[in-house]
Each structure stands twice: as C-alpha cells, then as structure tokens.
C-alpha cells in the first residue's frame, strides 16, 4: 500500500488562486514532501504568496507545511493527538501581506509531510494564494 492520493480542487485567475486539498488514509503510510501547490505549473512562476490557510485534520495524524527550498522552510505544523483539530492561518492579522517564497534558490512549491498516519485519518486544506 501507499500513502493516499489527495483529491484537489484548484482554480486560479490571473495572480490569485484557491486550492482545496483532501487526503484520507487507508493505512499508516505517511506523505513525505508531497507537493500541494506546484508553482512551476502555474502561469506566473516567480513567487508564491500564501494569503490564508484553513485546515482540519483528525487527532491521530500530524502534518507540516513547508516551502520547497535548499533547506525546506517551515510554515506550520498541526498538533498531534488533539481532537477536532482545525485552524486558520491569516498573515494579514499580523500586518503581513502573506507568507512569501520566491523561486530563487528553490522551486517555490508548497509541500506537505505527515507523521503518525493511521487508517481513516484525514487532512483537509483550503489555501488562498497569489502568484507573481
């Protein structure tokens, strides 16, 4: 068996984009640096700016979001073992335009890794972003 194949809904118009990403596990295989947003597949490929991330996951799994770089850049990690885990990351609440990664020195892709996966675990991400 292998880690799940995520189901995605992805739309971008000009510089703005939205991605819904869902994965449901049938076993304990973790994702190891799987691509969530592939910057090179988009019309504008110089930088990826994460405007907002809404997320939900089950208590038995932990995920980490990273920007692909020579040394992957940490964005966030969920907390392992907390029931009814969900949250929103809104950089604008801190006076920031977003979480930015330029193509320089990396692909600029958004990646996900998981730990402690088990059958029936689920992760859902809704990501609002901008590309330049």
C-alpha atoms as a PDB file:
ATOM      1  CA  UNK A   1       0.000   0.000   0.000  1.00  0.00           C
ATOM      2  CA  UNK A   2       0.969   3.612  -0.311  1.00  0.00           C
ATOM      3  CA  UNK A   3       0.091   6.977   1.158  1.00  0.00           C
ATOM      4  CA  UNK A   4      -3.202   8.386  -0.148  1.00  0.00           C
ATOM      5  CA  UNK A   5      -3.605  10.225  -3.416  1.00  0.00           C
ATOM      6  CA  UNK A   6      -5.087  13.617  -2.476  1.00  0.00           C
ATOM      7  CA  UNK A   7      -8.256  14.920  -4.080  1.00  0.00           C
ATOM      8  CA  UNK A   8      -7.855  18.532  -5.143  1.00  0.00           C
ATOM      9  CA  UNK A   9      -9.930  21.377  -6.490  1.00  0.00           C
ATOM     10  CA  UNK A  10      -7.677  24.096  -7.859  1.00  0.00           C
ATOM     11  CA  UNK A  11      -8.538  27.369  -9.581  1.00  0.00           C
ATOM     12  CA  UNK A  12      -6.508  30.417 -10.306  1.00  0.00           C
ATOM     13  CA  UNK A  13      -7.481  33.531 -12.200  1.00  0.00           C
ATOM     14  CA  UNK A  14      -4.583  35.773 -13.088  1.00  0.00           C
ATOM     15  CA  UNK A  15      -2.449  36.166  -9.991  1.00  0.00           C
ATOM     16  CA  UNK A  16      -4.998  34.858  -7.444  1.00  0.00           C
ATOM     17  CA  UNK A  17      -5.651  31.209  -6.668  1.00  0.00           C
ATOM     18  CA  UNK A  18      -7.559  28.817  -4.439  1.00  0.00           C
ATOM     19  CA  UNK A  19      -6.772  25.175  -3.699  1.00  0.00           C
ATOM     20  CA  UNK A  20      -8.867  22.664  -1.760  1.00  0.00           C
ATOM     21  CA  UNK A  21      -6.760  19.593  -0.851  1.00  0.00           C
ATOM     22  CA  UNK A  22      -8.123  16.473   0.896  1.00  0.00           C
ATOM     23  CA  UNK A  23      -6.436  13.180   1.753  1.00  0.00           C
ATOM     24  CA  UNK A  24      -7.948  10.164   3.546  1.00  0.00           C
ATOM     25  CA  UNK A  25      -5.669   7.349   4.723  1.00  0.00           C
ATOM     26  CA  UNK A  26      -6.329   3.631   4.307  1.00  0.00           C
ATOM     27  CA  UNK A  27      -3.140   2.623   6.150  1.00  0.00           C
ATOM     28  CA  UNK A  28      -0.229   4.045   8.113  1.00  0.00           C
ATOM     29  CA  UNK A  29       1.917   5.241   5.196  1.00  0.00           C
ATOM     30  CA  UNK A  30       2.965   8.858   5.648  1.00  0.00           C
ATOM     31  CA  UNK A  31       3.386  11.540   2.991  1.00  0.00           C
ATOM     32  CA  UNK A  32       6.978  12.620   2.553  1.00  0.00           C
ATOM     33  CA  UNK A  33       7.368  16.066   0.967  1.00  0.00           C
ATOM     34  CA  UNK A  34       4.334  15.732  -1.322  1.00  0.00           C
ATOM     35  CA  UNK A  35       3.599  18.776  -3.485  1.00  0.00           C
ATOM     36  CA  UNK A  36       0.416  20.686  -2.570  1.00  0.00           C
ATOM     37  CA  UNK A  37       0.938  23.672  -4.910  1.00  0.00           C
ATOM     38  CA  UNK A  38       3.290  23.230  -7.867  1.00  0.00           C
ATOM     39  CA  UNK A  39       4.474  26.760  -8.672  1.00  0.00           C
ATOM     40  CA  UNK A  40       6.041  25.742 -12.000  1.00  0.00           C
ATOM     41  CA  UNK A  41       2.657  24.546 -13.307  1.00  0.00           C
ATOM     42  CA  UNK A  42       1.078  27.996 -12.906  1.00  0.00           C
ATOM     43  CA  UNK A  43       1.075  30.929 -15.302  1.00  0.00           C
ATOM     44  CA  UNK A  44       3.148  33.163 -13.002  1.00  0.00           C
ATOM     45  CA  UNK A  45       6.133  31.320 -11.524  1.00  0.00           C
ATOM     46  CA  UNK A  46       8.398  33.855  -9.775  1.00  0.00           C
ATOM     47  CA  UNK A  47       6.893  33.654  -6.275  1.00  0.00           C
ATOM     48  CA  UNK A  48       4.121  32.045  -4.236  1.00  0.00           C
ATOM     49  CA  UNK A  49       2.400  34.083  -1.508  1.00  0.00           C
ATOM     50  CA  UNK A  50       0.121  32.227   0.899  1.00  0.00           C
ATOM     51  CA  UNK A  51      -2.694  34.611   1.884  1.00  0.00           C
ATOM     52  CA  UNK A  52      -4.702  32.239   4.111  1.00  0.00           C
ATOM     53  CA  UNK A  53      -4.756  28.566   5.085  1.00  0.00           C
ATOM     54  CA  UNK A  54      -7.836  26.911   6.604  1.00  0.00           C
ATOM     55  CA  UNK A  55      -7.196  23.370   7.807  1.00  0.00           C
ATOM     56  CA  UNK A  56      -8.773  20.413   9.572  1.00  0.00           C
ATOM     57  CA  UNK A  57      -7.263  17.048  10.484  1.00  0.00           C
ATOM     58  CA  UNK A  58      -8.001  14.070  12.696  1.00  0.00           C
ATOM     59  CA  UNK A  59      -6.348  13.612  16.066  1.00  0.00           C
ATOM     60  CA  UNK A  60      -4.189  10.671  15.007  1.00  0.00           C
ATOM     61  CA  UNK A  61      -2.102  12.438  12.361  1.00  0.00           C
ATOM     62  CA  UNK A  62       0.231  15.411  12.283  1.00  0.00           C
ATOM     63  CA  UNK A  63       1.112  17.426   9.178  1.00  0.00           C
ATOM     64  CA  UNK A  64       3.721  20.032   8.370  1.00  0.00           C
ATOM     65  CA  UNK A  65       3.562  22.567   5.530  1.00  0.00           C
ATOM     66  CA  UNK A  66       6.863  23.720   4.018  1.00  0.00           C
ATOM     67  CA  UNK A  67       8.149  25.851   1.181  1.00  0.00           C
ATOM     68  CA  UNK A  68      10.477  23.837  -1.036  1.00  0.00           C
ATOM     69  CA  UNK A  69      13.965  25.295  -0.670  1.00  0.00           C
ATOM     70  CA  UNK A  70      17.547  24.027  -0.387  1.00  0.00           C
ATOM     71  CA  UNK A  71      16.685  23.757   3.307  1.00  0.00           C
ATOM     72  CA  UNK A  72      12.882  23.442   3.416  1.00  0.00           C
ATOM     73  CA  UNK A  73      11.262  26.449   5.091  1.00  0.00           C
ATOM     74  CA  UNK A  74       8.718  25.622   7.791  1.00  0.00           C
ATOM     75  CA  UNK A  75       5.305  27.304   7.541  1.00  0.00           C
ATOM     76  CA  UNK A  76       3.242  25.419  10.140  1.00  0.00           C
ATOM     77  CA  UNK A  77       2.674  22.097  11.869  1.00  0.00           C
ATOM     78  CA  UNK A  78      -0.541  20.747  13.351  1.00  0.00           C
ATOM     79  CA  UNK A  79      -0.544  19.437  16.923  1.00  0.00           C
ATOM     80  CA  UNK A  80      -0.505  15.655  17.264  1.00  0.00           C
ATOM     81  CA  UNK A  81      -3.228  14.000  19.340  1.00  0.00           C
ATOM     82  CA  UNK A  82      -5.586  16.967  19.777  1.00  0.00           C
ATOM     83  CA  UNK A  83      -9.188  16.044  18.910  1.00  0.00           C
ATOM     84  CA  UNK A  84     -11.218  18.158  16.495  1.00  0.00           C
ATOM     85  CA  UNK A  85      -8.119  19.898  15.188  1.00  0.00           C
ATOM     86  CA  UNK A  86      -8.749  22.847  12.908  1.00  0.00           C
ATOM     87  CA  UNK A  87      -7.445  26.318  12.401  1.00  0.00           C
ATOM     88  CA  UNK A  88      -6.793  29.260  10.151  1.00  0.00           C
ATOM     89  CA  UNK A  89      -3.541  30.993   9.377  1.00  0.00           C
ATOM     90  CA  UNK A  90      -4.111  34.600   8.297  1.00  0.00           C
ATOM     91  CA  UNK A  91      -0.858  36.561   7.931  1.00  0.00           C
ATOM     92  CA  UNK A  92      -2.892  39.776   7.431  1.00  0.00           C
ATOM     93  CA  UNK A  93      -3.827  39.642  11.152  1.00  0.00           C
ATOM     94  CA  UNK A  94      -0.144  40.314  11.837  1.00  0.00           C
ATOM     95  CA  UNK A  95       0.171  43.131   9.316  1.00  0.00           C
ATOM     96  CA  UNK A  96       1.726  40.894   6.661  1.00  0.00           C
ATOM     97  CA  UNK A  97       0.654  40.622   3.034  1.00  0.00           C
ATOM     98  CA  UNK A  98       1.211  36.854   3.192  1.00  0.00           C
ATOM     99  CA  UNK A  99       3.813  34.142   3.633  1.00  0.00           C
ATOM    100  CA  UNK A 100       6.113  34.531   0.630  1.00  0.00           C
ATOM    101  CA  UNK A 101       8.571  32.232  -1.114  1.00  0.00           C
ATOM    102  CA  UNK A 102      10.333  33.328  -4.271  1.00  0.00           C
ATOM    103  CA  UNK A 103      11.617  30.921  -6.876  1.00  0.00           C
ATOM    104  CA  UNK A 104      15.225  31.936  -6.174  1.00  0.00           C
ATOM    105  CA  UNK A 105      17.095  29.046  -4.561  1.00  0.00           C
ATOM    106  CA  UNK A 106      14.147  26.657  -4.738  1.00  0.00           C
ATOM    107  CA  UNK A 107      11.086  25.630  -6.699  1.00  0.00           C
ATOM    108  CA  UNK A 108       8.839  27.788  -4.528  1.00  0.00           C
ATOM    109  CA  UNK A 109       6.378  24.859  -4.256  1.00  0.00           C
ATOM    110  CA  UNK A 110       4.207  24.322  -1.189  1.00  0.00           C
ATOM    111  CA  UNK A 111       4.908  20.874   0.331  1.00  0.00           C
ATOM    112  CA  UNK A 112       3.273  18.688   2.977  1.00  0.00           C
ATOM    113  CA  UNK A 113       4.720  15.916   5.139  1.00  0.00           C
ATOM    114  CA  UNK A 114       2.854  13.762   7.659  1.00  0.00           C
ATOM    115  CA  UNK A 115       3.681  11.681  10.724  1.00  0.00           C
ATOM    116  CA  UNK A 116       1.703   9.148  12.779  1.00  0.00           C
ATOM    117  CA  UNK A 117      -0.710   8.304   9.939  1.00  0.00           C
ATOM    118  CA  UNK A 118      -3.276   5.552  10.507  1.00  0.00           C
ATOM    119  CA  UNK A 119      -6.255   4.137   8.665  1.00  0.00           C
ATOM    120  CA  UNK A 120      -9.177   6.630   8.467  1.00  0.00           C
ATOM    121  CA  UNK A 121      -7.017   9.690   9.224  1.00  0.00           C
ATOM    122  CA  UNK A 122      -7.939  12.727   7.145  1.00  0.00           C
ATOM    123  CA  UNK A 123      -6.459  16.132   6.335  1.00  0.00           C
ATOM    124  CA  UNK A 124      -8.284  18.963   4.551  1.00  0.00           C
ATOM    125  CA  UNK A 125      -6.595  22.209   3.459  1.00  0.00           C
ATOM    126  CA  UNK A 126      -8.121  25.296   1.845  1.00  0.00           C
ATOM    127  CA  UNK A 127      -5.390  27.609   0.622  1.00  0.00           C
ATOM    128  CA  UNK A 128      -5.826  31.111  -0.784  1.00  0.00           C
ATOM    129  CA  UNK A 129      -2.693  32.294  -2.558  1.00  0.00           C
ATOM    130  CA  UNK A 130      -1.147  34.736  -5.009  1.00  0.00           C
ATOM    131  CA  UNK A 131       1.495  34.098  -7.650  1.00  0.00           C
ATOM    132  CA  UNK A 132       3.752  36.640  -9.346  1.00  0.00           C
END
